Amino acid sequence: MNKGIAGCLLLLMVGLLASCSSDHIMHMRDGSTVVVEGKPHLDKASRMLVYTDATGRTQAVNLDEVKGMSRLKN
């Protein structure tokens, strides 16, 4: 019984954490847009914005190329 309860709690916690991450849209200076899973983070040393794209691949873009960012409403 304890293993069942622990398993349910683990699934509940993972579900809550997954629902907290919201997707974002990066608006680029060239007029294009990029859908980003979760929130990108800045690599301060290289001034690159590191993100995961909609296909699940990790990408990086120079911060100077980003015009703005907004949260995607789900």
C-alpha atoms as a PDB file:
ATOM      1  CA  MET A   1       0.000   0.000   0.000  1.00  0.00           C
ATOM      2  CA  ASN A   2       2.814   2.439   0.823  1.00  0.00           C
ATOM      3  CA  LYS A   3       4.465   1.877  -2.574  1.00  0.00           C
ATOM      4  CA  GLY A   4       1.166   2.666  -4.305  1.00  0.00           C
ATOM      5  CA  ILE A   5       0.731   5.904  -2.391  1.00  0.00           C
ATOM      6  CA  ALA A   6       4.347   6.909  -3.010  1.00  0.00           C
ATOM      7  CA  GLY A   7       3.913   6.187  -6.735  1.00  0.00           C
ATOM      8  CA  CYS A   8       0.757   8.298  -6.904  1.00  0.00           C
ATOM      9  CA  LEU A   9       2.447  11.167  -5.096  1.00  0.00           C
ATOM     10  CA  LEU A  10       5.421  10.981  -7.452  1.00  0.00           C
ATOM     11  CA  LEU A  11       3.148  11.113 -10.503  1.00  0.00           C
ATOM     12  CA  LEU A  12       1.231  14.030  -9.015  1.00  0.00           C
ATOM     13  CA  MET A  13       4.442  15.984  -8.362  1.00  0.00           C
ATOM     14  CA  VAL A  14       5.764  15.359 -11.876  1.00  0.00           C
ATOM     15  CA  GLY A  15       2.427  16.463 -13.338  1.00  0.00           C
ATOM     16  CA  LEU A  16       2.428  19.656 -11.303  1.00  0.00           C
ATOM     17  CA  LEU A  17       5.991  20.504 -12.294  1.00  0.00           C
ATOM     18  CA  ALA A  18       5.282  19.851 -15.963  1.00  0.00           C
ATOM     19  CA  SER A  19       2.201  22.053 -15.905  1.00  0.00           C
ATOM     20  CA  CYS A  20       4.164  24.969 -14.412  1.00  0.00           C
ATOM     21  CA  SER A  21       6.426  25.345 -17.398  1.00  0.00           C
ATOM     22  CA  SER A  22       4.828  27.488 -20.054  1.00  0.00           C
ATOM     23  CA  ASP A  23       5.980  27.910 -23.616  1.00  0.00           C
ATOM     24  CA  HIS A  24       7.283  31.224 -24.924  1.00  0.00           C
ATOM     25  CA  ILE A  25       7.529  32.914 -28.312  1.00  0.00           C
ATOM     26  CA  MET A  26      10.744  34.687 -29.257  1.00  0.00           C
ATOM     27  CA  HIS A  27      10.314  37.569 -31.683  1.00  0.00           C
ATOM     28  CA  MET A  28      13.461  37.959 -33.762  1.00  0.00           C
ATOM     29  CA  ARG A  29      14.800  41.191 -35.268  1.00  0.00           C
ATOM     30  CA  ASP A  30      14.445  39.753 -38.802  1.00  0.00           C
ATOM     31  CA  GLY A  31      10.661  39.430 -38.268  1.00  0.00           C
ATOM     32  CA  SER A  32      10.554  35.681 -37.641  1.00  0.00           C
ATOM     33  CA  THR A  33       9.179  33.994 -34.531  1.00  0.00           C
ATOM     34  CA  VAL A  34      10.381  30.909 -32.672  1.00  0.00           C
ATOM     35  CA  VAL A  35       8.235  28.783 -30.321  1.00  0.00           C
ATOM     36  CA  VAL A  36      10.260  27.835 -27.249  1.00  0.00           C
ATOM     37  CA  GLU A  37       9.453  25.053 -24.775  1.00  0.00           C
ATOM     38  CA  GLY A  38       9.680  26.445 -21.260  1.00  0.00           C
ATOM     39  CA  LYS A  39      11.710  29.558 -20.574  1.00  0.00           C
ATOM     40  CA  PRO A  40      15.086  30.092 -22.258  1.00  0.00           C
ATOM     41  CA  HIS A  41      18.144  30.889 -20.179  1.00  0.00           C
ATOM     42  CA  LEU A  42      20.984  33.283 -20.889  1.00  0.00           C
ATOM     43  CA  ASP A  43      24.589  32.081 -21.084  1.00  0.00           C
ATOM     44  CA  LYS A  44      26.219  35.248 -19.774  1.00  0.00           C
ATOM     45  CA  ALA A  45      29.712  34.329 -20.946  1.00  0.00           C
ATOM     46  CA  SER A  46      28.732  34.021 -24.611  1.00  0.00           C
ATOM     47  CA  ARG A  47      25.604  36.270 -24.556  1.00  0.00           C
ATOM     48  CA  MET A  48      23.677  33.414 -26.172  1.00  0.00           C
ATOM     49  CA  LEU A  49      20.069  32.622 -25.333  1.00  0.00           C
ATOM     50  CA  VAL A  50      19.789  28.832 -24.951  1.00  0.00           C
ATOM     51  CA  TYR A  51      16.370  27.259 -25.487  1.00  0.00           C
ATOM     52  CA  THR A  52      14.570  24.078 -26.492  1.00  0.00           C
ATOM     53  CA  ASP A  53      12.582  24.456 -29.706  1.00  0.00           C
ATOM     54  CA  ALA A  54       9.178  22.947 -30.478  1.00  0.00           C
ATOM     55  CA  THR A  55      10.790  19.759 -31.831  1.00  0.00           C
ATOM     56  CA  GLY A  56      12.740  19.192 -28.589  1.00  0.00           C
ATOM     57  CA  ARG A  57      16.175  20.210 -29.886  1.00  0.00           C
ATOM     58  CA  THR A  58      18.421  22.491 -27.837  1.00  0.00           C
ATOM     59  CA  GLN A  59      19.295  25.663 -29.755  1.00  0.00           C
ATOM     60  CA  ALA A  60      21.164  28.884 -29.044  1.00  0.00           C
ATOM     61  CA  VAL A  61      20.810  32.337 -30.547  1.00  0.00           C
ATOM     62  CA  ASN A  62      22.766  35.542 -30.036  1.00  0.00           C
ATOM     63  CA  LEU A  63      20.928  37.813 -27.611  1.00  0.00           C
ATOM     64  CA  ASP A  64      21.328  40.756 -30.012  1.00  0.00           C
ATOM     65  CA  GLU A  65      19.131  38.935 -32.571  1.00  0.00           C
ATOM     66  CA  VAL A  66      16.141  38.727 -30.197  1.00  0.00           C
ATOM     67  CA  LYS A  67      13.709  41.638 -30.332  1.00  0.00           C
ATOM     68  CA  GLY A  68      11.420  40.419 -27.548  1.00  0.00           C
ATOM     69  CA  MET A  69       9.703  37.484 -25.939  1.00  0.00           C
ATOM     70  CA  SER A  70       6.186  36.723 -24.778  1.00  0.00           C
ATOM     71  CA  ARG A  71       4.467  33.843 -23.047  1.00  0.00           C
ATOM     72  CA  LEU A  72       2.379  31.561 -25.226  1.00  0.00           C
ATOM     73  CA  LYS A  73      -1.130  31.280 -23.827  1.00  0.00           C
ATOM     74  CA  ASN A  74      -2.175  27.637 -23.656  1.00  0.00           C
END
